Amino acid sequence: MAKTTFRPLHDRVVVKRIDAEEKTKGGIIIPDTAKEKPSQGKVVGVGPGGRDEAGKLIPIDLKVGDVVLFGKWSGTEVKLDGEDLLIMKESDIMGVLA
């Protein structure tokens, strides 16, 4: 089966969540039902950018491969080719982890 090609529009970014740790620092294993959704992810797609009032393109500061932090309820969850992804605006992303 061919892999779907998806290109976000405007100032939107496609992010794949990075799974949370299975254990706490003390060694306690966390069951799936008790885990919170991670608020950290890897950028897998970036749109061309937004436009200002004059119509000039404002490029996005992110690039594919960046590891980012975002709000717990940010973005729209979608499933493409069996992969759970988030599509969100660049402004929903709080920062890039170095």
PDB file of N, CA and C in Angstrom:
ATOM      1  N   MET A   1       0.841  -1.174   0.000  1.00  0.00           N
ATOM      2  CA  MET A   1       0.000   0.000   0.000  1.00  0.00           C
ATOM      3  C   MET A   1       0.888   1.240   0.000  1.00  0.00           C
ATOM      4  N   ALA A   2       0.546   2.208  -0.810  1.00  0.00           N
ATOM      5  CA  ALA A   2       1.342   3.431  -0.913  1.00  0.00           C
ATOM      6  C   ALA A   2       1.154   4.305   0.318  1.00  0.00           C
ATOM      7  N   LYS A   3       2.219   4.969   0.732  1.00  0.00           N
ATOM      8  CA  LYS A   3       2.175   5.846   1.885  1.00  0.00           C
ATOM      9  C   LYS A   3       1.543   7.177   1.468  1.00  0.00           C
ATOM     10  N   THR A   4       0.640   7.679   2.287  1.00  0.00           N
ATOM     11  CA  THR A   4      -0.039   8.934   2.003  1.00  0.00           C
ATOM     12  C   THR A   4       0.916  10.105   2.182  1.00  0.00           C
ATOM     13  N   THR A   5       0.878  11.039   1.237  1.00  0.00           N
ATOM     14  CA  THR A   5       1.668  12.249   1.348  1.00  0.00           C
ATOM     15  C   THR A   5       0.758  13.351   1.872  1.00  0.00           C
ATOM     16  N   PHE A   6       1.160  14.004   2.946  1.00  0.00           N
ATOM     17  CA  PHE A   6       0.363  15.068   3.554  1.00  0.00           C
ATOM     18  C   PHE A   6       1.230  16.299   3.716  1.00  0.00           C
ATOM     19  N   ARG A   7       0.753  17.430   3.214  1.00  0.00           N
ATOM     20  CA  ARG A   7       1.474  18.698   3.335  1.00  0.00           C
ATOM     21  C   ARG A   7       0.559  19.690   4.041  1.00  0.00           C
ATOM     22  N   PRO A   8       0.930  20.152   5.238  1.00  0.00           N
ATOM     23  CA  PRO A   8       0.090  21.120   5.945  1.00  0.00           C
ATOM     24  C   PRO A   8       0.088  22.471   5.231  1.00  0.00           C
ATOM     25  N   LEU A   9      -1.001  23.195   5.376  1.00  0.00           N
ATOM     26  CA  LEU A   9      -1.140  24.498   4.742  1.00  0.00           C
ATOM     27  C   LEU A   9      -0.870  25.619   5.743  1.00  0.00           C
ATOM     28  N   HIS A  10      -0.533  26.773   5.218  1.00  0.00           N
ATOM     29  CA  HIS A  10      -0.350  28.012   5.977  1.00  0.00           C
ATOM     30  C   HIS A  10       0.634  27.824   7.135  1.00  0.00           C
ATOM     31  N   ASP A  11       0.234  28.197   8.356  1.00  0.00           N
ATOM     32  CA  ASP A  11       1.155  28.135   9.493  1.00  0.00           C
ATOM     33  C   ASP A  11       0.883  26.907  10.363  1.00  0.00           C
ATOM     34  N   ARG A  12       0.487  25.818   9.722  1.00  0.00           N
ATOM     35  CA  ARG A  12       0.208  24.593  10.481  1.00  0.00           C
ATOM     36  C   ARG A  12       1.427  23.665  10.469  1.00  0.00           C
ATOM     37  N   VAL A  13       1.494  22.846  11.526  1.00  0.00           N
ATOM     38  CA  VAL A  13       2.616  21.936  11.739  1.00  0.00           C
ATOM     39  C   VAL A  13       2.043  20.563  12.077  1.00  0.00           C
ATOM     40  N   VAL A  14       2.647  19.502  11.563  1.00  0.00           N
ATOM     41  CA  VAL A  14       2.249  18.133  11.897  1.00  0.00           C
ATOM     42  C   VAL A  14       3.274  17.584  12.885  1.00  0.00           C
ATOM     43  N   VAL A  15       2.762  17.084  14.018  1.00  0.00           N
ATOM     44  CA  VAL A  15       3.622  16.610  15.109  1.00  0.00           C
ATOM     45  C   VAL A  15       3.236  15.179  15.471  1.00  0.00           C
ATOM     46  N   LYS A  16       4.251  14.345  15.699  1.00  0.00           N
ATOM     47  CA  LYS A  16       4.035  12.991  16.210  1.00  0.00           C
ATOM     48  C   LYS A  16       4.432  12.992  17.680  1.00  0.00           C
ATOM     49  N   ARG A  17       3.497  12.586  18.541  1.00  0.00           N
ATOM     50  CA  ARG A  17       3.792  12.560  19.980  1.00  0.00           C
ATOM     51  C   ARG A  17       4.950  11.613  20.297  1.00  0.00           C
ATOM     52  N   ILE A  18       5.762  12.014  21.261  1.00  0.00           N
ATOM     53  CA  ILE A  18       6.818  11.145  21.783  1.00  0.00           C
ATOM     54  C   ILE A  18       6.247  10.506  23.037  1.00  0.00           C
ATOM     55  N   ASP A  19       6.237   9.179  23.078  1.00  0.00           N
ATOM     56  CA  ASP A  19       5.625   8.460  24.196  1.00  0.00           C
ATOM     57  C   ASP A  19       6.299   8.777  25.519  1.00  0.00           C
ATOM     58  N   ALA A  20       5.465   8.848  26.555  1.00  0.00           N
ATOM     59  CA  ALA A  20       5.957   9.096  27.914  1.00  0.00           C
ATOM     60  C   ALA A  20       6.676   7.858  28.437  1.00  0.00           C
ATOM     61  N   GLU A  21       7.449   8.048  29.468  1.00  0.00           N
ATOM     62  CA  GLU A  21       8.186   6.941  30.079  1.00  0.00           C
ATOM     63  C   GLU A  21       7.220   5.899  30.651  1.00  0.00           C
ATOM     64  N   GLU A  22       7.611   4.641  30.597  1.00  0.00           N
ATOM     65  CA  GLU A  22       6.806   3.547  31.127  1.00  0.00           C
ATOM     66  C   GLU A  22       6.950   3.427  32.656  1.00  0.00           C
ATOM     67  N   LYS A  23       8.064   3.952  33.199  1.00  0.00           N
ATOM     68  CA  LYS A  23       8.332   3.845  34.636  1.00  0.00           C
ATOM     69  C   LYS A  23       8.595   5.220  35.228  1.00  0.00           C
ATOM     70  N   THR A  24       8.342   5.346  36.522  1.00  0.00           N
ATOM     71  CA  THR A  24       8.718   6.564  37.229  1.00  0.00           C
ATOM     72  C   THR A  24      10.194   6.459  37.581  1.00  0.00           C
ATOM     73  N   LYS A  25      10.774   7.529  38.112  1.00  0.00           N
ATOM     74  CA  LYS A  25      12.187   7.494  38.505  1.00  0.00           C
ATOM     75  C   LYS A  25      12.441   6.473  39.607  1.00  0.00           C
ATOM     76  N   GLY A  26      11.418   6.213  40.424  1.00  0.00           N
ATOM     77  CA  GLY A  26      11.557   5.239  41.508  1.00  0.00           C
ATOM     78  C   GLY A  26      11.368   3.802  41.056  1.00  0.00           C
ATOM     79  N   GLY A  27      11.043   3.580  39.760  1.00  0.00           N
ATOM     80  CA  GLY A  27      10.922   2.225  39.238  1.00  0.00           C
ATOM     81  C   GLY A  27       9.502   1.696  39.191  1.00  0.00           C
ATOM     82  N   ILE A  28       8.510   2.525  39.530  1.00  0.00           N
ATOM     83  CA  ILE A  28       7.122   2.079  39.482  1.00  0.00           C
ATOM     84  C   ILE A  28       6.646   2.107  38.028  1.00  0.00           C
ATOM     85  N   ILE A  29       6.055   0.996  37.578  1.00  0.00           N
ATOM     86  CA  ILE A  29       5.564   0.910  36.207  1.00  0.00           C
ATOM     87  C   ILE A  29       4.180   1.560  36.140  1.00  0.00           C
ATOM     88  N   ILE A  30       3.999   2.444  35.173  1.00  0.00           N
ATOM     89  CA  ILE A  30       2.744   3.169  35.013  1.00  0.00           C
ATOM     90  C   ILE A  30       1.877   2.437  33.998  1.00  0.00           C
ATOM     91  N   PRO A  31       0.644   2.029  34.386  1.00  0.00           N
ATOM     92  CA  PRO A  31      -0.230   1.353  33.413  1.00  0.00           C
ATOM     93  C   PRO A  31      -0.731   2.341  32.360  1.00  0.00           C
ATOM     94  N   ASP A  32      -1.094   1.814  31.174  1.00  0.00           N
ATOM     95  CA  ASP A  32      -1.563   2.660  30.068  1.00  0.00           C
ATOM     96  C   ASP A  32      -2.742   3.531  30.458  1.00  0.00           C
ATOM     97  N   THR A  33      -3.643   3.013  31.298  1.00  0.00           N
ATOM     98  CA  THR A  33      -4.845   3.770  31.659  1.00  0.00           C
ATOM     99  C   THR A  33      -4.535   4.972  32.551  1.00  0.00           C
ATOM    100  N   ALA A  34      -3.406   4.972  33.236  1.00  0.00           N
ATOM    101  CA  ALA A  34      -3.047   6.068  34.139  1.00  0.00           C
ATOM    102  C   ALA A  34      -2.119   7.091  33.501  1.00  0.00           C
ATOM    103  N   LYS A  35      -1.631   6.794  32.307  1.00  0.00           N
ATOM    104  CA  LYS A  35      -0.689   7.708  31.655  1.00  0.00           C
ATOM    105  C   LYS A  35      -1.401   8.950  31.125  1.00  0.00           C
ATOM    106  N   GLU A  36      -0.730  10.079  31.223  1.00  0.00           N
ATOM    107  CA  GLU A  36      -1.231  11.293  30.607  1.00  0.00           C
ATOM    108  C   GLU A  36      -0.701  11.351  29.183  1.00  0.00           C
ATOM    109  N   LYS A  37      -1.422  12.067  28.326  1.00  0.00           N
ATOM    110  CA  LYS A  37      -0.935  12.245  26.959  1.00  0.00           C
ATOM    111  C   LYS A  37       0.321  13.094  27.018  1.00  0.00           C
ATOM    112  N   PRO A  38       1.359  12.679  26.330  1.00  0.00           N
ATOM    113  CA  PRO A  38       2.592  13.471  26.362  1.00  0.00           C
ATOM    114  C   PRO A  38       2.402  14.816  25.668  1.00  0.00           C
ATOM    115  N   SER A  39       3.077  15.831  26.182  1.00  0.00           N
ATOM    116  CA  SER A  39       2.992  17.161  25.583  1.00  0.00           C
ATOM    117  C   SER A  39       4.304  17.493  24.875  1.00  0.00           C
ATOM    118  N   GLN A  40       4.957  16.458  24.407  1.00  0.00           N
ATOM    119  CA  GLN A  40       6.221  16.595  23.698  1.00  0.00           C
ATOM    120  C   GLN A  40       6.107  15.779  22.418  1.00  0.00           C
ATOM    121  N   GLY A  41       6.668  16.302  21.323  1.00  0.00           N
ATOM    122  CA  GLY A  41       6.567  15.583  20.070  1.00  0.00           C
ATOM    123  C   GLY A  41       7.643  15.987  19.083  1.00  0.00           C
ATOM    124  N   LYS A  42       7.666  15.262  17.967  1.00  0.00           N
ATOM    125  CA  LYS A  42       8.645  15.511  16.915  1.00  0.00           C
ATOM    126  C   LYS A  42       7.900  16.038  15.685  1.00  0.00           C
ATOM    127  N   VAL A  43       8.398  17.112  15.105  1.00  0.00           N
ATOM    128  CA  VAL A  43       7.778  17.718  13.928  1.00  0.00           C
ATOM    129  C   VAL A  43       8.034  16.825  12.713  1.00  0.00           C
ATOM    130  N   VAL A  44       6.958  16.427  12.024  1.00  0.00           N
ATOM    131  CA  VAL A  44       7.092  15.581  10.840  1.00  0.00           C
ATOM    132  C   VAL A  44       6.640  16.290   9.564  1.00  0.00           C
ATOM    133  N   GLY A  45       6.060  17.478   9.704  1.00  0.00           N
ATOM    134  CA  GLY A  45       5.647  18.241   8.535  1.00  0.00           C
ATOM    135  C   GLY A  45       5.430  19.700   8.893  1.00  0.00           C
ATOM    136  N   VAL A  46       5.754  20.610   7.978  1.00  0.00           N
ATOM    137  CA  VAL A  46       5.646  22.051   8.233  1.00  0.00           C
ATOM    138  C   VAL A  46       5.048  22.721   7.003  1.00  0.00           C
ATOM    139  N   GLY A  47       4.091  23.627   7.228  1.00  0.00           N
ATOM    140  CA  GLY A  47       3.504  24.404   6.140  1.00  0.00           C
ATOM    141  C   GLY A  47       4.442  25.526   5.723  1.00  0.00           C
ATOM    142  N   PRO A  48       4.091  26.265   4.668  1.00  0.00           N
ATOM    143  CA  PRO A  48       4.965  27.329   4.175  1.00  0.00           C
ATOM    144  C   PRO A  48       5.019  28.550   5.076  1.00  0.00           C
ATOM    145  N   GLY A  49       3.985  28.776   5.891  1.00  0.00           N
ATOM    146  CA  GLY A  49       3.953  29.937   6.777  1.00  0.00           C
ATOM    147  C   GLY A  49       2.671  30.724   6.614  1.00  0.00           C
ATOM    148  N   GLY A  50       2.475  31.680   7.508  1.00  0.00           N
ATOM    149  CA  GLY A  50       1.285  32.519   7.460  1.00  0.00           C
ATOM    150  C   GLY A  50       1.534  33.767   6.627  1.00  0.00           C
ATOM    151  N   ARG A  51       0.509  34.590   6.534  1.00  0.00           N
ATOM    152  CA  ARG A  51       0.616  35.850   5.786  1.00  0.00           C
ATOM    153  C   ARG A  51       0.226  37.002   6.702  1.00  0.00           C
ATOM    154  N   ASP A  52       0.917  38.141   6.524  1.00  0.00           N
ATOM    155  CA  ASP A  52       0.566  39.331   7.293  1.00  0.00           C
ATOM    156  C   ASP A  52      -0.545  40.103   6.572  1.00  0.00           C
ATOM    157  N   GLU A  53      -0.908  41.273   7.100  1.00  0.00           N
ATOM    158  CA  GLU A  53      -2.003  42.057   6.518  1.00  0.00           C
ATOM    159  C   GLU A  53      -1.716  42.484   5.078  1.00  0.00           C
ATOM    160  N   ALA A  54      -0.461  42.657   4.739  1.00  0.00           N
ATOM    161  CA  ALA A  54      -0.075  43.075   3.389  1.00  0.00           C
ATOM    162  C   ALA A  54       0.020  41.889   2.418  1.00  0.00           C
ATOM    163  N   GLY A  55      -0.156  40.667   2.932  1.00  0.00           N
ATOM    164  CA  GLY A  55      -0.078  39.486   2.078  1.00  0.00           C
ATOM    165  C   GLY A  55       1.315  38.897   1.965  1.00  0.00           C
ATOM    166  N   LYS A  56       2.270  39.451   2.732  1.00  0.00           N
ATOM    167  CA  LYS A  56       3.646  38.958   2.682  1.00  0.00           C
ATOM    168  C   LYS A  56       3.758  37.663   3.489  1.00  0.00           C
ATOM    169  N   LEU A  57       4.452  36.670   2.939  1.00  0.00           N
ATOM    170  CA  LEU A  57       4.628  35.376   3.600  1.00  0.00           C
ATOM    171  C   LEU A  57       5.575  35.504   4.793  1.00  0.00           C
ATOM    172  N   ILE A  58       5.126  34.986   5.944  1.00  0.00           N
ATOM    173  CA  ILE A  58       5.956  34.944   7.146  1.00  0.00           C
ATOM    174  C   ILE A  58       6.334  33.477   7.358  1.00  0.00           C
ATOM    175  N   PRO A  59       7.596  33.087   7.098  1.00  0.00           N
ATOM    176  CA  PRO A  59       7.979  31.672   7.203  1.00  0.00           C
ATOM    177  C   PRO A  59       7.918  31.161   8.651  1.00  0.00           C
ATOM    178  N   ILE A  60       7.752  29.855   8.775  1.00  0.00           N
ATOM    179  CA  ILE A  60       7.681  29.199  10.087  1.00  0.00           C
ATOM    180  C   ILE A  60       9.092  28.982  10.623  1.00  0.00           C
ATOM    181  N   ASP A  61       9.259  29.153  11.943  1.00  0.00           N
ATOM    182  CA  ASP A  61      10.566  29.002  12.586  1.00  0.00           C
ATOM    183  C   ASP A  61      10.945  27.544  12.843  1.00  0.00           C
ATOM    184  N   LEU A  62      10.033  26.616  12.606  1.00  0.00           N
ATOM    185  CA  LEU A  62      10.279  25.198  12.881  1.00  0.00           C
ATOM    186  C   LEU A  62      10.712  24.475  11.614  1.00  0.00           C
ATOM    187  N   LYS A  63      11.364  23.320  11.825  1.00  0.00           N
ATOM    188  CA  LYS A  63      11.723  22.475  10.688  1.00  0.00           C
ATOM    189  C   LYS A  63      11.449  21.022  11.056  1.00  0.00           C
ATOM    190  N   VAL A  64      11.336  20.181  10.065  1.00  0.00           N
ATOM    191  CA  VAL A  64      11.085  18.757  10.284  1.00  0.00           C
ATOM    192  C   VAL A  64      12.228  18.188  11.116  1.00  0.00           C
ATOM    193  N   GLY A  65      11.876  17.414  12.150  1.00  0.00           N
ATOM    194  CA  GLY A  65      12.875  16.809  13.026  1.00  0.00           C
ATOM    195  C   GLY A  65      13.014  17.516  14.363  1.00  0.00           C
ATOM    196  N   ASP A  66      12.506  18.760  14.490  1.00  0.00           N
ATOM    197  CA  ASP A  66      12.569  19.481  15.762  1.00  0.00           C
ATOM    198  C   ASP A  66      11.723  18.757  16.806  1.00  0.00           C
ATOM    199  N   VAL A  67      12.210  18.710  18.045  1.00  0.00           N
ATOM    200  CA  VAL A  67      11.441  18.175  19.169  1.00  0.00           C
ATOM    201  C   VAL A  67      10.847  19.378  19.893  1.00  0.00           C
ATOM    202  N   VAL A  68       9.511  19.387  20.026  1.00  0.00           N
ATOM    203  CA  VAL A  68       8.810  20.561  20.536  1.00  0.00           C
ATOM    204  C   VAL A  68       7.940  20.229  21.745  1.00  0.00           C
ATOM    205  N   LEU A  69       7.605  21.274  22.503  1.00  0.00           N
ATOM    206  CA  LEU A  69       6.657  21.184  23.607  1.00  0.00           C
ATOM    207  C   LEU A  69       5.399  21.924  23.194  1.00  0.00           C
ATOM    208  N   PHE A  70       4.236  21.351  23.539  1.00  0.00           N
ATOM    209  CA  PHE A  70       2.964  21.989  23.196  1.00  0.00           C
ATOM    210  C   PHE A  70       1.978  21.768  24.330  1.00  0.00           C
ATOM    211  N   GLY A  71       0.878  22.517  24.319  1.00  0.00           N
ATOM    212  CA  GLY A  71      -0.140  22.404  25.353  1.00  0.00           C
ATOM    213  C   GLY A  71      -0.838  21.057  25.334  1.00  0.00           C
ATOM    214  N   LYS A  72      -1.362  20.661  26.483  1.00  0.00           N
ATOM    215  CA  LYS A  72      -2.004  19.357  26.627  1.00  0.00           C
ATOM    216  C   LYS A  72      -3.169  19.165  25.664  1.00  0.00           C
ATOM    217  N   TRP A  73      -3.936  20.208  25.409  1.00  0.00           N
ATOM    218  CA  TRP A  73      -5.116  20.095  24.552  1.00  0.00           C
ATOM    219  C   TRP A  73      -4.909  20.749  23.191  1.00  0.00           C
ATOM    220  N   SER A  74      -3.684  20.967  22.784  1.00  0.00           N
ATOM    221  CA  SER A  74      -3.376  21.632  21.510  1.00  0.00           C
ATOM    222  C   SER A  74      -3.585  20.700  20.327  1.00  0.00           C
ATOM    223  N   GLY A  75      -3.985  21.280  19.217  1.00  0.00           N
ATOM    224  CA  GLY A  75      -4.025  20.551  17.957  1.00  0.00           C
ATOM    225  C   GLY A  75      -5.235  19.667  17.754  1.00  0.00           C
ATOM    226  N   THR A  76      -5.291  19.104  16.566  1.00  0.00           N
ATOM    227  CA  THR A  76      -6.350  18.181  16.166  1.00  0.00           C
ATOM    228  C   THR A  76      -5.708  16.827  15.898  1.00  0.00           C
ATOM    229  N   GLU A  77      -6.237  15.791  16.542  1.00  0.00           N
ATOM    230  CA  GLU A  77      -5.682  14.454  16.369  1.00  0.00           C
ATOM    231  C   GLU A  77      -6.213  13.835  15.075  1.00  0.00           C
ATOM    232  N   VAL A  78      -5.303  13.291  14.273  1.00  0.00           N
ATOM    233  CA  VAL A  78      -5.665  12.600  13.028  1.00  0.00           C
ATOM    234  C   VAL A  78      -4.883  11.294  12.956  1.00  0.00           C
ATOM    235  N   LYS A  79      -5.368  10.397  12.125  1.00  0.00           N
ATOM    236  CA  LYS A  79      -4.664   9.124  11.918  1.00  0.00           C
ATOM    237  C   LYS A  79      -4.387   8.997  10.427  1.00  0.00           C
ATOM    238  N   LEU A  80      -3.095   8.976  10.045  1.00  0.00           N
ATOM    239  CA  LEU A  80      -2.685   8.816   8.658  1.00  0.00           C
ATOM    240  C   LEU A  80      -1.789   7.591   8.549  1.00  0.00           C
ATOM    241  N   ASP A  81      -2.130   6.689   7.667  1.00  0.00           N
ATOM    242  CA  ASP A  81      -1.359   5.454   7.473  1.00  0.00           C
ATOM    243  C   ASP A  81      -1.140   4.702   8.783  1.00  0.00           C
ATOM    244  N   GLY A  82      -2.136   4.699   9.654  1.00  0.00           N
ATOM    245  CA  GLY A  82      -2.039   3.985  10.918  1.00  0.00           C
ATOM    246  C   GLY A  82      -1.233   4.701  11.986  1.00  0.00           C
ATOM    247  N   GLU A  83      -0.767   5.910  11.710  1.00  0.00           N
ATOM    248  CA  GLU A  83       0.032   6.689  12.662  1.00  0.00           C
ATOM    249  C   GLU A  83      -0.826   7.781  13.282  1.00  0.00           C
ATOM    250  N   ASP A  84      -0.771   7.920  14.603  1.00  0.00           N
ATOM    251  CA  ASP A  84      -1.498   8.993  15.285  1.00  0.00           C
ATOM    252  C   ASP A  84      -0.662  10.259  15.236  1.00  0.00           C
ATOM    253  N   LEU A  85      -1.224  11.320  14.653  1.00  0.00           N
ATOM    254  CA  LEU A  85      -0.512  12.581  14.493  1.00  0.00           C
ATOM    255  C   LEU A  85      -1.368  13.725  15.013  1.00  0.00           C
ATOM    256  N   LEU A  86      -0.726  14.857  15.264  1.00  0.00           N
ATOM    257  CA  LEU A  86      -1.415  16.083  15.662  1.00  0.00           C
ATOM    258  C   LEU A  86      -1.153  17.148  14.605  1.00  0.00           C
ATOM    259  N   ILE A  87      -2.190  17.877  14.228  1.00  0.00           N
ATOM    260  CA  ILE A  87      -2.025  19.027  13.349  1.00  0.00           C
ATOM    261  C   ILE A  87      -2.370  20.252  14.181  1.00  0.00           C
ATOM    262  N   MET A  88      -1.426  21.186  14.262  1.00  0.00           N
ATOM    263  CA  MET A  88      -1.648  22.382  15.084  1.00  0.00           C
ATOM    264  C   MET A  88      -1.027  23.597  14.426  1.00  0.00           C
ATOM    265  N   LYS A  89      -1.447  24.754  14.885  1.00  0.00           N
ATOM    266  CA  LYS A  89      -0.861  25.997  14.401  1.00  0.00           C
ATOM    267  C   LYS A  89       0.491  26.196  15.085  1.00  0.00           C
ATOM    268  N   GLU A  90       1.360  26.927  14.419  1.00  0.00           N
ATOM    269  CA  GLU A  90       2.689  27.193  14.982  1.00  0.00           C
ATOM    270  C   GLU A  90       2.570  27.883  16.332  1.00  0.00           C
ATOM    271  N   SER A  91       1.564  28.729  16.508  1.00  0.00           N
ATOM    272  CA  SER A  91       1.402  29.477  17.764  1.00  0.00           C
ATOM    273  C   SER A  91       1.029  28.571  18.938  1.00  0.00           C
ATOM    274  N   ASP A  92       0.544  27.339  18.684  1.00  0.00           N
ATOM    275  CA  ASP A  92       0.228  26.390  19.762  1.00  0.00           C
ATOM    276  C   ASP A  92       1.474  25.742  20.348  1.00  0.00           C
ATOM    277  N   ILE A  93       2.600  25.859  19.652  1.00  0.00           N
ATOM    278  CA  ILE A  93       3.851  25.256  20.102  1.00  0.00           C
ATOM    279  C   ILE A  93       4.578  26.241  21.008  1.00  0.00           C
ATOM    280  N   MET A  94       4.956  25.756  22.207  1.00  0.00           N
ATOM    281  CA  MET A  94       5.566  26.627  23.212  1.00  0.00           C
ATOM    282  C   MET A  94       7.063  26.798  23.025  1.00  0.00           C
ATOM    283  N   GLY A  95       7.729  25.795  22.460  1.00  0.00           N
ATOM    284  CA  GLY A  95       9.164  25.916  22.278  1.00  0.00           C
ATOM    285  C   GLY A  95       9.794  24.675  21.695  1.00  0.00           C
ATOM    286  N   VAL A  96      11.050  24.803  21.325  1.00  0.00           N
ATOM    287  CA  VAL A  96      11.829  23.709  20.743  1.00  0.00           C
ATOM    288  C   VAL A  96      12.862  23.256  21.770  1.00  0.00           C
ATOM    289  N   LEU A  97      12.949  21.944  21.966  1.00  0.00           N
ATOM    290  CA  LEU A  97      13.960  21.384  22.875  1.00  0.00           C
ATOM    291  C   LEU A  97      15.280  21.237  22.128  1.00  0.00           C
ATOM    292  N   ALA A  98      16.354  21.664  22.754  1.00  0.00           N
ATOM    293  CA  ALA A  98      17.673  21.585  22.123  1.00  0.00           C
ATOM    294  C   ALA A  98      18.334  20.258  22.399  1.00  0.00           C
TER     295      ALA A  98
END
